[in-house]
PDB file of N, CA and C in Angstrom:
ATOM      1  N   MET A   1      15.982   0.049   6.891  1.00  0.00           N
ATOM      2  CA  MET A   1      15.874  -1.232   7.572  1.00  0.00           C
ATOM      3  C   MET A   1      16.106  -1.034   9.046  1.00  0.00           C
ATOM      4  N   LYS A   2      15.443  -1.831   9.817  1.00  0.00           N
ATOM      5  CA  LYS A   2      15.546  -1.823  11.246  1.00  0.00           C
ATOM      6  C   LYS A   2      16.940  -2.396  11.705  1.00  0.00           C
ATOM      7  N   THR A   3      17.387  -2.007  12.895  1.00  0.00           N
ATOM      8  CA  THR A   3      18.578  -2.510  13.344  1.00  0.00           C
ATOM      9  C   THR A   3      18.468  -4.005  13.655  1.00  0.00           C
ATOM     10  N   VAL A   4      19.457  -4.720  13.237  1.00  0.00           N
ATOM     11  CA  VAL A   4      19.435  -6.190  13.487  1.00  0.00           C
ATOM     12  C   VAL A   4      20.607  -6.467  14.438  1.00  0.00           C
ATOM     13  N   TYR A   5      20.367  -7.200  15.543  1.00  0.00           N
ATOM     14  CA  TYR A   5      21.395  -7.474  16.486  1.00  0.00           C
ATOM     15  C   TYR A   5      21.785  -8.962  16.441  1.00  0.00           C
ATOM     16  N   SER A   6      23.068  -9.233  16.837  1.00  0.00           N
ATOM     17  CA  SER A   6      23.517 -10.582  16.875  1.00  0.00           C
ATOM     18  C   SER A   6      22.994 -11.182  18.191  1.00  0.00           C
ATOM     19  N   VAL A   7      23.085 -12.511  18.222  1.00  0.00           N
ATOM     20  CA  VAL A   7      22.638 -13.234  19.483  1.00  0.00           C
ATOM     21  C   VAL A   7      23.552 -12.794  20.614  1.00  0.00           C
ATOM     22  N   GLY A   8      24.832 -12.668  20.388  1.00  0.00           N
ATOM     23  CA  GLY A   8      25.786 -12.269  21.402  1.00  0.00           C
ATOM     24  C   GLY A   8      25.471 -10.898  21.919  1.00  0.00           C
ATOM     25  N   GLN A   9      25.116  -9.937  21.071  1.00  0.00           N
ATOM     26  CA  GLN A   9      24.768  -8.610  21.478  1.00  0.00           C
ATOM     27  C   GLN A   9      23.522  -8.600  22.354  1.00  0.00           C
ATOM     28  N   VAL A  10      22.547  -9.361  22.021  1.00  0.00           N
ATOM     29  CA  VAL A  10      21.361  -9.431  22.847  1.00  0.00           C
ATOM     30  C   VAL A  10      21.675 -10.025  24.245  1.00  0.00           C
ATOM     31  N   ASN A  11      22.456 -11.088  24.234  1.00  0.00           N
ATOM     32  CA  ASN A  11      22.777 -11.766  25.492  1.00  0.00           C
ATOM     33  C   ASN A  11      23.583 -10.874  26.361  1.00  0.00           C
ATOM     34  N   ARG A  12      24.537 -10.121  25.770  1.00  0.00           N
ATOM     35  CA  ARG A  12      25.300  -9.133  26.547  1.00  0.00           C
ATOM     36  C   ARG A  12      24.419  -8.025  27.120  1.00  0.00           C
ATOM     37  N   TYR A  13      23.455  -7.550  26.325  1.00  0.00           N
ATOM     38  CA  TYR A  13      22.539  -6.538  26.798  1.00  0.00           C
ATOM     39  C   TYR A  13      21.725  -6.987  27.976  1.00  0.00           C
ATOM     40  N   VAL A  14      21.159  -8.210  27.847  1.00  0.00           N
ATOM     41  CA  VAL A  14      20.343  -8.793  28.914  1.00  0.00           C
ATOM     42  C   VAL A  14      21.219  -9.023  30.169  1.00  0.00           C
ATOM     43  N   LYS A  15      22.416  -9.493  30.012  1.00  0.00           N
ATOM     44  CA  LYS A  15      23.336  -9.697  31.170  1.00  0.00           C
ATOM     45  C   LYS A  15      23.554  -8.376  31.839  1.00  0.00           C
ATOM     46  N   ASN A  16      23.767  -7.348  31.024  1.00  0.00           N
ATOM     47  CA  ASN A  16      23.988  -5.969  31.642  1.00  0.00           C
ATOM     48  C   ASN A  16      22.771  -5.536  32.400  1.00  0.00           C
ATOM     49  N   MET A  17      21.600  -5.844  31.953  1.00  0.00           N
ATOM     50  CA  MET A  17      20.378  -5.427  32.656  1.00  0.00           C
ATOM     51  C   MET A  17      20.339  -6.147  33.983  1.00  0.00           C
ATOM     52  N   PHE A  18      20.657  -7.454  34.037  1.00  0.00           N
ATOM     53  CA  PHE A  18      20.664  -8.191  35.298  1.00  0.00           C
ATOM     54  C   PHE A  18      21.700  -7.596  36.232  1.00  0.00           C
ATOM     55  N   THR A  19      22.843  -7.298  35.738  1.00  0.00           N
ATOM     56  CA  THR A  19      23.938  -6.766  36.529  1.00  0.00           C
ATOM     57  C   THR A  19      23.596  -5.444  37.187  1.00  0.00           C
ATOM     58  N   GLN A  20      22.812  -4.638  36.463  1.00  0.00           N
ATOM     59  CA  GLN A  20      22.447  -3.328  37.035  1.00  0.00           C
ATOM     60  C   GLN A  20      21.276  -3.376  38.069  1.00  0.00           C
ATOM     61  N   ASP A  21      20.610  -4.541  38.138  1.00  0.00           N
ATOM     62  CA  ASP A  21      19.477  -4.600  39.008  1.00  0.00           C
ATOM     63  C   ASP A  21      19.986  -4.822  40.499  1.00  0.00           C
ATOM     64  N   TYR A  22      19.747  -3.890  41.353  1.00  0.00           N
ATOM     65  CA  TYR A  22      20.300  -3.929  42.698  1.00  0.00           C
ATOM     66  C   TYR A  22      19.902  -5.195  43.443  1.00  0.00           C
ATOM     67  N   VAL A  23      18.617  -5.579  43.382  1.00  0.00           N
ATOM     68  CA  VAL A  23      18.131  -6.763  44.100  1.00  0.00           C
ATOM     69  C   VAL A  23      18.862  -8.048  43.650  1.00  0.00           C
ATOM     70  N   LEU A  24      19.115  -8.198  42.340  1.00  0.00           N
ATOM     71  CA  LEU A  24      19.687  -9.423  41.799  1.00  0.00           C
ATOM     72  C   LEU A  24      21.187  -9.545  42.027  1.00  0.00           C
ATOM     73  N   ARG A  25      21.796  -8.430  42.442  1.00  0.00           N
ATOM     74  CA  ARG A  25      23.251  -8.459  42.694  1.00  0.00           C
ATOM     75  C   ARG A  25      23.612  -9.191  44.022  1.00  0.00           C
ATOM     76  N   LYS A  26      22.674  -9.147  44.955  1.00  0.00           N
ATOM     77  CA  LYS A  26      22.853  -9.837  46.261  1.00  0.00           C
ATOM     78  C   LYS A  26      21.476 -10.322  46.695  1.00  0.00           C
ATOM     79  N   VAL A  27      21.255 -11.612  46.455  1.00  0.00           N
ATOM     80  CA  VAL A  27      19.936 -12.129  46.752  1.00  0.00           C
ATOM     81  C   VAL A  27      20.033 -13.466  47.507  1.00  0.00           C
ATOM     82  N   TYR A  28      19.156 -13.640  48.445  1.00  0.00           N
ATOM     83  CA  TYR A  28      19.094 -14.958  49.177  1.00  0.00           C
ATOM     84  C   TYR A  28      17.920 -15.754  48.564  1.00  0.00           C
ATOM     85  N   VAL A  29      18.176 -16.972  48.177  1.00  0.00           N
ATOM     86  CA  VAL A  29      17.108 -17.807  47.578  1.00  0.00           C
ATOM     87  C   VAL A  29      17.054 -19.149  48.398  1.00  0.00           C
ATOM     88  N   LYS A  30      15.861 -19.458  48.773  1.00  0.00           N
ATOM     89  CA  LYS A  30      15.647 -20.757  49.546  1.00  0.00           C
ATOM     90  C   LYS A  30      15.001 -21.757  48.578  1.00  0.00           C
ATOM     91  N   GLY A  31      15.507 -22.958  48.636  1.00  0.00           N
ATOM     92  CA  GLY A  31      14.903 -24.005  47.862  1.00  0.00           C
ATOM     93  C   GLY A  31      15.512 -25.375  48.149  1.00  0.00           C
ATOM     94  N   GLU A  32      15.101 -26.348  47.376  1.00  0.00           N
ATOM     95  CA  GLU A  32      15.565 -27.713  47.546  1.00  0.00           C
ATOM     96  C   GLU A  32      16.580 -28.037  46.431  1.00  0.00           C
ATOM     97  N   VAL A  33      17.657 -28.651  46.809  1.00  0.00           N
ATOM     98  CA  VAL A  33      18.732 -28.990  45.913  1.00  0.00           C
ATOM     99  C   VAL A  33      18.254 -30.144  44.953  1.00  0.00           C
ATOM    100  N   SER A  34      18.519 -29.935  43.661  1.00  0.00           N
ATOM    101  CA  SER A  34      18.204 -30.957  42.666  1.00  0.00           C
ATOM    102  C   SER A  34      19.312 -31.008  41.649  1.00  0.00           C
ATOM    103  N   ASN A  35      19.567 -32.166  41.052  1.00  0.00           N
ATOM    104  CA  ASN A  35      20.530 -32.316  39.949  1.00  0.00           C
ATOM    105  C   ASN A  35      21.927 -31.858  40.427  1.00  0.00           C
ATOM    106  N   CYS A  36      22.315 -32.108  41.612  1.00  0.00           N
ATOM    107  CA  CYS A  36      23.582 -31.589  42.150  1.00  0.00           C
ATOM    108  C   CYS A  36      24.788 -32.389  41.547  1.00  0.00           C
ATOM    109  N   LYS A  37      25.729 -31.655  40.877  1.00  0.00           N
ATOM    110  CA  LYS A  37      26.913 -32.266  40.289  1.00  0.00           C
ATOM    111  C   LYS A  37      28.173 -31.581  40.724  1.00  0.00           C
ATOM    112  N   TYR A  38      29.017 -32.343  41.403  1.00  0.00           N
ATOM    113  CA  TYR A  38      30.347 -31.794  41.753  1.00  0.00           C
ATOM    114  C   TYR A  38      31.303 -32.093  40.615  1.00  0.00           C
ATOM    115  N   HIS A  39      31.736 -31.057  39.894  1.00  0.00           N
ATOM    116  CA  HIS A  39      32.619 -31.229  38.758  1.00  0.00           C
ATOM    117  C   HIS A  39      34.034 -31.358  39.179  1.00  0.00           C
ATOM    118  N   THR A  40      34.822 -32.055  38.348  1.00  0.00           N
ATOM    119  CA  THR A  40      36.255 -32.217  38.639  1.00  0.00           C
ATOM    120  C   THR A  40      37.012 -30.924  38.766  1.00  0.00           C
ATOM    121  N   SER A  41      36.515 -29.851  38.183  1.00  0.00           N
ATOM    122  CA  SER A  41      37.098 -28.543  38.302  1.00  0.00           C
ATOM    123  C   SER A  41      36.982 -27.960  39.649  1.00  0.00           C
ATOM    124  N   GLY A  42      36.077 -28.488  40.475  1.00  0.00           N
ATOM    125  CA  GLY A  42      35.779 -27.934  41.782  1.00  0.00           C
ATOM    126  C   GLY A  42      34.475 -27.162  41.804  1.00  0.00           C
ATOM    127  N   HIS A  43      33.941 -26.878  40.639  1.00  0.00           N
ATOM    128  CA  HIS A  43      32.669 -26.135  40.562  1.00  0.00           C
ATOM    129  C   HIS A  43      31.500 -27.082  40.917  1.00  0.00           C
ATOM    130  N   ILE A  44      30.414 -26.510  41.408  1.00  0.00           N
ATOM    131  CA  ILE A  44      29.247 -27.316  41.730  1.00  0.00           C
ATOM    132  C   ILE A  44      28.085 -26.747  40.906  1.00  0.00           C
ATOM    133  N   TYR A  45      27.382 -27.632  40.161  1.00  0.00           N
ATOM    134  CA  TYR A  45      26.229 -27.214  39.339  1.00  0.00           C
ATOM    135  C   TYR A  45      25.054 -27.924  39.939  1.00  0.00           C
ATOM    136  N   PHE A  46      23.970 -27.148  40.165  1.00  0.00           N
ATOM    137  CA  PHE A  46      22.738 -27.694  40.727  1.00  0.00           C
ATOM    138  C   PHE A  46      21.551 -26.773  40.400  1.00  0.00           C
ATOM    139  N   SER A  47      20.393 -27.263  40.772  1.00  0.00           N
ATOM    140  CA  SER A  47      19.201 -26.489  40.646  1.00  0.00           C
ATOM    141  C   SER A  47      18.565 -26.323  42.023  1.00  0.00           C
ATOM    142  N   LEU A  48      17.873 -25.174  42.217  1.00  0.00           N
ATOM    143  CA  LEU A  48      17.046 -24.984  43.416  1.00  0.00           C
ATOM    144  C   LEU A  48      15.633 -25.069  42.953  1.00  0.00           C
ATOM    145  N   LYS A  49      14.816 -25.846  43.662  1.00  0.00           N
ATOM    146  CA  LYS A  49      13.391 -26.045  43.322  1.00  0.00           C
ATOM    147  C   LYS A  49      12.498 -25.758  44.492  1.00  0.00           C
ATOM    148  N   ASP A  50      11.323 -25.337  44.192  1.00  0.00           N
ATOM    149  CA  ASP A  50      10.245 -25.350  45.113  1.00  0.00           C
ATOM    150  C   ASP A  50       8.949 -25.740  44.402  1.00  0.00           C
ATOM    151  N   GLU A  51       7.814 -25.575  45.026  1.00  0.00           N
ATOM    152  CA  GLU A  51       6.570 -26.005  44.376  1.00  0.00           C
ATOM    153  C   GLU A  51       6.202 -25.301  43.094  1.00  0.00           C
ATOM    154  N   SER A  52       6.759 -24.070  42.944  1.00  0.00           N
ATOM    155  CA  SER A  52       6.360 -23.277  41.751  1.00  0.00           C
ATOM    156  C   SER A  52       7.430 -23.113  40.699  1.00  0.00           C
ATOM    157  N   GLY A  53       8.670 -23.673  40.936  1.00  0.00           N
ATOM    158  CA  GLY A  53       9.616 -23.479  39.839  1.00  0.00           C
ATOM    159  C   GLY A  53      10.973 -23.946  40.253  1.00  0.00           C
ATOM    160  N   ALA A  54      11.948 -23.618  39.357  1.00  0.00           N
ATOM    161  CA  ALA A  54      13.352 -24.030  39.542  1.00  0.00           C
ATOM    162  C   ALA A  54      14.256 -22.993  38.949  1.00  0.00           C
ATOM    163  N   ILE A  55      15.449 -22.936  39.494  1.00  0.00           N
ATOM    164  CA  ILE A  55      16.474 -22.024  38.920  1.00  0.00           C
ATOM    165  C   ILE A  55      17.772 -22.739  38.908  1.00  0.00           C
ATOM    166  N   ALA A  56      18.514 -22.610  37.778  1.00  0.00           N
ATOM    167  CA  ALA A  56      19.847 -23.186  37.605  1.00  0.00           C
ATOM    168  C   ALA A  56      20.853 -22.374  38.515  1.00  0.00           C
ATOM    169  N   CYS A  57      21.752 -23.105  39.102  1.00  0.00           N
ATOM    170  CA  CYS A  57      22.766 -22.476  39.988  1.00  0.00           C
ATOM    171  C   CYS A  57      24.186 -23.046  39.702  1.00  0.00           C
ATOM    172  N   VAL A  58      25.144 -22.246  40.014  1.00  0.00           N
ATOM    173  CA  VAL A  58      26.514 -22.683  39.969  1.00  0.00           C
ATOM    174  C   VAL A  58      27.265 -22.004  41.090  1.00  0.00           C
ATOM    175  N   MET A  59      28.184 -22.802  41.700  1.00  0.00           N
ATOM    176  CA  MET A  59      29.079 -22.259  42.701  1.00  0.00           C
ATOM    177  C   MET A  59      30.498 -22.630  42.171  1.00  0.00           C
ATOM    178  N   PHE A  60      31.296 -21.584  41.869  1.00  0.00           N
ATOM    179  CA  PHE A  60      32.609 -21.822  41.378  1.00  0.00           C
ATOM    180  C   PHE A  60      33.588 -22.334  42.477  1.00  0.00           C
ATOM    181  N   ALA A  61      34.580 -22.954  42.136  1.00  0.00           N
ATOM    182  CA  ALA A  61      35.547 -23.559  43.094  1.00  0.00           C
ATOM    183  C   ALA A  61      36.108 -22.543  44.090  1.00  0.00           C
ATOM    184  N   GLY A  62      36.380 -21.330  43.575  1.00  0.00           N
ATOM    185  CA  GLY A  62      36.936 -20.316  44.475  1.00  0.00           C
ATOM    186  C   GLY A  62      35.928 -19.868  45.537  1.00  0.00           C
ATOM    187  N   GLU A  63      34.678 -19.834  45.190  1.00  0.00           N
ATOM    188  CA  GLU A  63      33.620 -19.415  46.169  1.00  0.00           C
ATOM    189  C   GLU A  63      33.392 -20.596  47.127  1.00  0.00           C
ATOM    190  N   ARG A  64      33.530 -21.798  46.618  1.00  0.00           N
ATOM    191  CA  ARG A  64      33.275 -23.010  47.404  1.00  0.00           C
ATOM    192  C   ARG A  64      34.163 -23.129  48.611  1.00  0.00           C
ATOM    193  N   ARG A  65      35.394 -22.689  48.524  1.00  0.00           N
ATOM    194  CA  ARG A  65      36.306 -22.804  49.646  1.00  0.00           C
ATOM    195  C   ARG A  65      35.859 -22.082  50.845  1.00  0.00           C
ATOM    196  N   THR A  66      35.223 -20.933  50.649  1.00  0.00           N
ATOM    197  CA  THR A  66      34.830 -20.101  51.781  1.00  0.00           C
ATOM    198  C   THR A  66      33.302 -20.067  52.031  1.00  0.00           C
ATOM    199  N   GLY A  67      32.549 -20.450  50.966  1.00  0.00           N
ATOM    200  CA  GLY A  67      31.087 -20.266  51.045  1.00  0.00           C
ATOM    201  C   GLY A  67      30.287 -21.523  51.219  1.00  0.00           C
ATOM    202  N   LEU A  68      31.005 -22.707  51.433  1.00  0.00           N
ATOM    203  CA  LEU A  68      30.261 -23.962  51.602  1.00  0.00           C
ATOM    204  C   LEU A  68      31.026 -24.852  52.635  1.00  0.00           C
ATOM    205  N   THR A  69      30.351 -25.118  53.749  1.00  0.00           N
ATOM    206  CA  THR A  69      31.005 -25.873  54.842  1.00  0.00           C
ATOM    207  C   THR A  69      30.534 -27.293  54.996  1.00  0.00           C
ATOM    208  N   PHE A  70      29.688 -27.763  54.033  1.00  0.00           N
ATOM    209  CA  PHE A  70      29.077 -29.103  54.083  1.00  0.00           C
ATOM    210  C   PHE A  70      28.992 -29.610  52.619  1.00  0.00           C
ATOM    211  N   ARG A  71      28.673 -30.919  52.543  1.00  0.00           N
ATOM    212  CA  ARG A  71      28.480 -31.480  51.204  1.00  0.00           C
ATOM    213  C   ARG A  71      27.005 -31.474  50.912  1.00  0.00           C
ATOM    214  N   MET A  72      26.628 -30.757  49.841  1.00  0.00           N
ATOM    215  CA  MET A  72      25.221 -30.696  49.456  1.00  0.00           C
ATOM    216  C   MET A  72      24.783 -32.080  48.909  1.00  0.00           C
ATOM    217  N   GLN A  73      23.482 -32.384  49.166  1.00  0.00           N
ATOM    218  CA  GLN A  73      22.932 -33.616  48.722  1.00  0.00           C
ATOM    219  C   GLN A  73      21.523 -33.375  48.101  1.00  0.00           C
ATOM    220  N   GLU A  74      21.167 -34.243  47.189  1.00  0.00           N
ATOM    221  CA  GLU A  74      19.835 -34.220  46.531  1.00  0.00           C
ATOM    222  C   GLU A  74      18.737 -34.102  47.625  1.00  0.00           C
ATOM    223  N   GLY A  75      17.813 -33.183  47.369  1.00  0.00           N
ATOM    224  CA  GLY A  75      16.654 -33.090  48.264  1.00  0.00           C
ATOM    225  C   GLY A  75      16.831 -32.208  49.490  1.00  0.00           C
ATOM    226  N   GLN A  76      18.089 -31.779  49.704  1.00  0.00           N
ATOM    227  CA  GLN A  76      18.420 -30.964  50.881  1.00  0.00           C
ATOM    228  C   GLN A  76      17.831 -29.577  50.691  1.00  0.00           C
ATOM    229  N   LYS A  77      17.266 -28.997  51.721  1.00  0.00           N
ATOM    230  CA  LYS A  77      16.874 -27.573  51.721  1.00  0.00           C
ATOM    231  C   LYS A  77      18.044 -26.726  52.047  1.00  0.00           C
ATOM    232  N   VAL A  78      18.237 -25.662  51.247  1.00  0.00           N
ATOM    233  CA  VAL A  78      19.349 -24.743  51.486  1.00  0.00           C
ATOM    234  C   VAL A  78      18.903 -23.310  51.234  1.00  0.00           C
ATOM    235  N   ILE A  79      19.688 -22.434  51.753  1.00  0.00           N
ATOM    236  CA  ILE A  79      19.569 -20.982  51.451  1.00  0.00           C
ATOM    237  C   ILE A  79      20.860 -20.574  50.763  1.00  0.00           C
ATOM    238  N   VAL A  80      20.713 -20.000  49.588  1.00  0.00           N
ATOM    239  CA  VAL A  80      21.883 -19.618  48.736  1.00  0.00           C
ATOM    240  C   VAL A  80      21.958 -18.116  48.667  1.00  0.00           C
ATOM    241  N   LEU A  81      23.124 -17.565  48.957  1.00  0.00           N
ATOM    242  CA  LEU A  81      23.457 -16.205  48.764  1.00  0.00           C
ATOM    243  C   LEU A  81      24.176 -16.108  47.438  1.00  0.00           C
ATOM    244  N   GLY A  82      23.709 -15.222  46.596  1.00  0.00           N
ATOM    245  CA  GLY A  82      24.390 -15.119  45.294  1.00  0.00           C
ATOM    246  C   GLY A  82      23.878 -13.970  44.471  1.00  0.00           C
ATOM    247  N   SER A  83      24.242 -13.983  43.200  1.00  0.00           N
ATOM    248  CA  SER A  83      23.685 -12.981  42.275  1.00  0.00           C
ATOM    249  C   SER A  83      23.126 -13.710  41.042  1.00  0.00           C
ATOM    250  N   VAL A  84      22.113 -13.073  40.488  1.00  0.00           N
ATOM    251  CA  VAL A  84      21.488 -13.612  39.301  1.00  0.00           C
ATOM    252  C   VAL A  84      22.030 -12.944  38.097  1.00  0.00           C
ATOM    253  N   SER A  85      22.509 -13.688  37.117  1.00  0.00           N
ATOM    254  CA  SER A  85      23.038 -13.150  35.895  1.00  0.00           C
ATOM    255  C   SER A  85      22.765 -14.053  34.716  1.00  0.00           C
ATOM    256  N   VAL A  86      23.257 -13.668  33.584  1.00  0.00           N
ATOM    257  CA  VAL A  86      23.017 -14.437  32.358  1.00  0.00           C
ATOM    258  C   VAL A  86      24.424 -15.052  31.913  1.00  0.00           C
ATOM    259  N   TYR A  87      24.360 -16.337  31.676  1.00  0.00           N
ATOM    260  CA  TYR A  87      25.506 -17.057  31.094  1.00  0.00           C
ATOM    261  C   TYR A  87      25.357 -16.786  29.557  1.00  0.00           C
ATOM    262  N   GLU A  88      26.228 -15.917  29.064  1.00  0.00           N
ATOM    263  CA  GLU A  88      26.059 -15.384  27.719  1.00  0.00           C
ATOM    264  C   GLU A  88      26.134 -16.433  26.632  1.00  0.00           C
ATOM    265  N   ARG A  89      26.972 -17.433  26.786  1.00  0.00           N
ATOM    266  CA  ARG A  89      27.097 -18.473  25.700  1.00  0.00           C
ATOM    267  C   ARG A  89      25.730 -19.168  25.420  1.00  0.00           C
ATOM    268  N   ASP A  90      25.005 -19.486  26.508  1.00  0.00           N
ATOM    269  CA  ASP A  90      23.742 -20.175  26.345  1.00  0.00           C
ATOM    270  C   ASP A  90      22.495 -19.253  26.377  1.00  0.00           C
ATOM    271  N   GLY A  91      22.716 -18.036  26.755  1.00  0.00           N
ATOM    272  CA  GLY A  91      21.588 -17.096  26.895  1.00  0.00           C
ATOM    273  C   GLY A  91      20.629 -17.465  28.019  1.00  0.00           C
ATOM    274  N   ARG A  92      21.089 -18.126  29.069  1.00  0.00           N
ATOM    275  CA  ARG A  92      20.249 -18.526  30.142  1.00  0.00           C
ATOM    276  C   ARG A  92      20.666 -17.895  31.419  1.00  0.00           C
ATOM    277  N   TYR A  93      19.656 -17.549  32.245  1.00  0.00           N
ATOM    278  CA  TYR A  93      20.009 -16.914  33.505  1.00  0.00           C
ATOM    279  C   TYR A  93      20.173 -17.977  34.542  1.00  0.00           C
ATOM    280  N   GLN A  94      20.994 -17.657  35.559  1.00  0.00           N
ATOM    281  CA  GLN A  94      21.272 -18.583  36.645  1.00  0.00           C
ATOM    282  C   GLN A  94      21.719 -17.837  37.881  1.00  0.00           C
ATOM    283  N   LEU A  95      21.716 -18.540  38.964  1.00  0.00           N
ATOM    284  CA  LEU A  95      22.099 -17.972  40.241  1.00  0.00           C
ATOM    285  C   LEU A  95      23.565 -18.371  40.479  1.00  0.00           C
ATOM    286  N   TYR A  96      24.448 -17.376  40.632  1.00  0.00           N
ATOM    287  CA  TYR A  96      25.834 -17.587  40.899  1.00  0.00           C
ATOM    288  C   TYR A  96      26.037 -17.560  42.398  1.00  0.00           C
ATOM    289  N   ALA A  97      26.235 -18.743  43.029  1.00  0.00           N
ATOM    290  CA  ALA A  97      26.307 -18.870  44.483  1.00  0.00           C
ATOM    291  C   ALA A  97      27.580 -18.390  45.045  1.00  0.00           C
ATOM    292  N   ARG A  98      27.504 -17.595  46.127  1.00  0.00           N
ATOM    293  CA  ARG A  98      28.723 -17.196  46.893  1.00  0.00           C
ATOM    294  C   ARG A  98      28.740 -17.849  48.275  1.00  0.00           C
ATOM    295  N   GLY A  99      27.603 -18.222  48.751  1.00  0.00           N
ATOM    296  CA  GLY A  99      27.445 -18.862  50.061  1.00  0.00           C
ATOM    297  C   GLY A  99      26.223 -19.743  50.101  1.00  0.00           C
ATOM    298  N   ILE A 100      26.341 -20.879  50.752  1.00  0.00           N
ATOM    299  CA  ILE A 100      25.201 -21.815  50.862  1.00  0.00           C
ATOM    300  C   ILE A 100      25.146 -22.295  52.302  1.00  0.00           C
ATOM    301  N   LEU A 101      23.912 -22.177  52.890  1.00  0.00           N
ATOM    302  CA  LEU A 101      23.614 -22.697  54.263  1.00  0.00           C
ATOM    303  C   LEU A 101      22.617 -23.780  54.177  1.00  0.00           C
ATOM    304  N   PRO A 102      22.786 -24.825  55.032  1.00  0.00           N
ATOM    305  CA  PRO A 102      21.717 -25.838  55.113  1.00  0.00           C
ATOM    306  C   PRO A 102      20.440 -25.337  55.767  1.00  0.00           C
ATOM    307  N   ASP A 103      19.355 -25.855  55.317  1.00  0.00           N
ATOM    308  CA  ASP A 103      18.045 -25.364  55.829  1.00  0.00           C
ATOM    309  C   ASP A 103      17.097 -26.521  56.047  1.00  0.00           C
ATOM    310  N   GLY A 104      17.577 -27.761  56.211  1.00  0.00           N
ATOM    311  CA  GLY A 104      16.749 -28.881  56.573  1.00  0.00           C
ATOM    312  C   GLY A 104      16.593 -29.845  55.354  1.00  0.00           C
ATOM    313  N   GLU A 105      15.673 -30.871  55.557  1.00  0.00           N
ATOM    314  CA  GLU A 105      15.441 -31.821  54.472  1.00  0.00           C
ATOM    315  C   GLU A 105      14.296 -31.318  53.646  1.00  0.00           C
ATOM    316  N   GLY A 106      14.382 -31.468  52.370  1.00  0.00           N
ATOM    317  CA  GLY A 106      13.373 -30.980  51.413  1.00  0.00           C
ATOM    318  C   GLY A 106      12.098 -31.703  51.415  1.00  0.00           C
ATOM    319  N   ASP A 107      11.029 -30.991  51.383  1.00  0.00           N
ATOM    320  CA  ASP A 107       9.634 -31.600  51.301  1.00  0.00           C
ATOM    321  C   ASP A 107       9.440 -32.391  50.050  1.00  0.00           C
ATOM    322  N   LEU A 108       9.859 -31.773  48.924  1.00  0.00           N
ATOM    323  CA  LEU A 108       9.711 -32.425  47.627  1.00  0.00           C
ATOM    324  C   LEU A 108      10.400 -33.784  47.619  1.00  0.00           C
ATOM    325  N   TYR A 109      11.569 -33.866  48.204  1.00  0.00           N
ATOM    326  CA  TYR A 109      12.361 -35.073  48.208  1.00  0.00           C
ATOM    327  C   TYR A 109      11.644 -36.082  49.182  1.00  0.00           C
ATOM    328  N   ARG A 110      11.170 -35.641  50.361  1.00  0.00           N
ATOM    329  CA  ARG A 110      10.499 -36.563  51.243  1.00  0.00           C
ATOM    330  C   ARG A 110       9.286 -37.221  50.639  1.00  0.00           C
ATOM    331  N   ARG A 111       8.504 -36.384  49.850  1.00  0.00           N
ATOM    332  CA  ARG A 111       7.300 -36.861  49.138  1.00  0.00           C
ATOM    333  C   ARG A 111       7.731 -37.884  48.062  1.00  0.00           C
ATOM    334  N   TYR A 112       8.874 -37.652  47.402  1.00  0.00           N
ATOM    335  CA  TYR A 112       9.364 -38.547  46.420  1.00  0.00           C
ATOM    336  C   TYR A 112       9.727 -39.868  46.984  1.00  0.00           C
ATOM    337  N   GLU A 113      10.432 -39.881  48.190  1.00  0.00           N
ATOM    338  CA  GLU A 113      10.841 -41.098  48.834  1.00  0.00           C
ATOM    339  C   GLU A 113       9.615 -41.867  49.314  1.00  0.00           C
TER     340      GLU A 113
END
């Protein structure tokens, strides 16, 4: 019989692959803020979007103290420094933000308004 893996084993394996990728350990991503939620824990959950896609993002409270000097808003363009990894529980990849810089008002948001 072929080897059968658990969901957790596969998610850990994929996370390990992301962790070993040099580019994904320190990447700058430019996009428009969407679904921005400031959690009571101090963490910030949001998505970055552009014309061709979206990526889930999180900035933990500890990173927020030094890596964010403004309050993010829906539709704002930002540049995020972070690493891409897998959240094992859900098996989804996301951008773990360490620093966020403003980059203007988002085009998608302007068109929506």
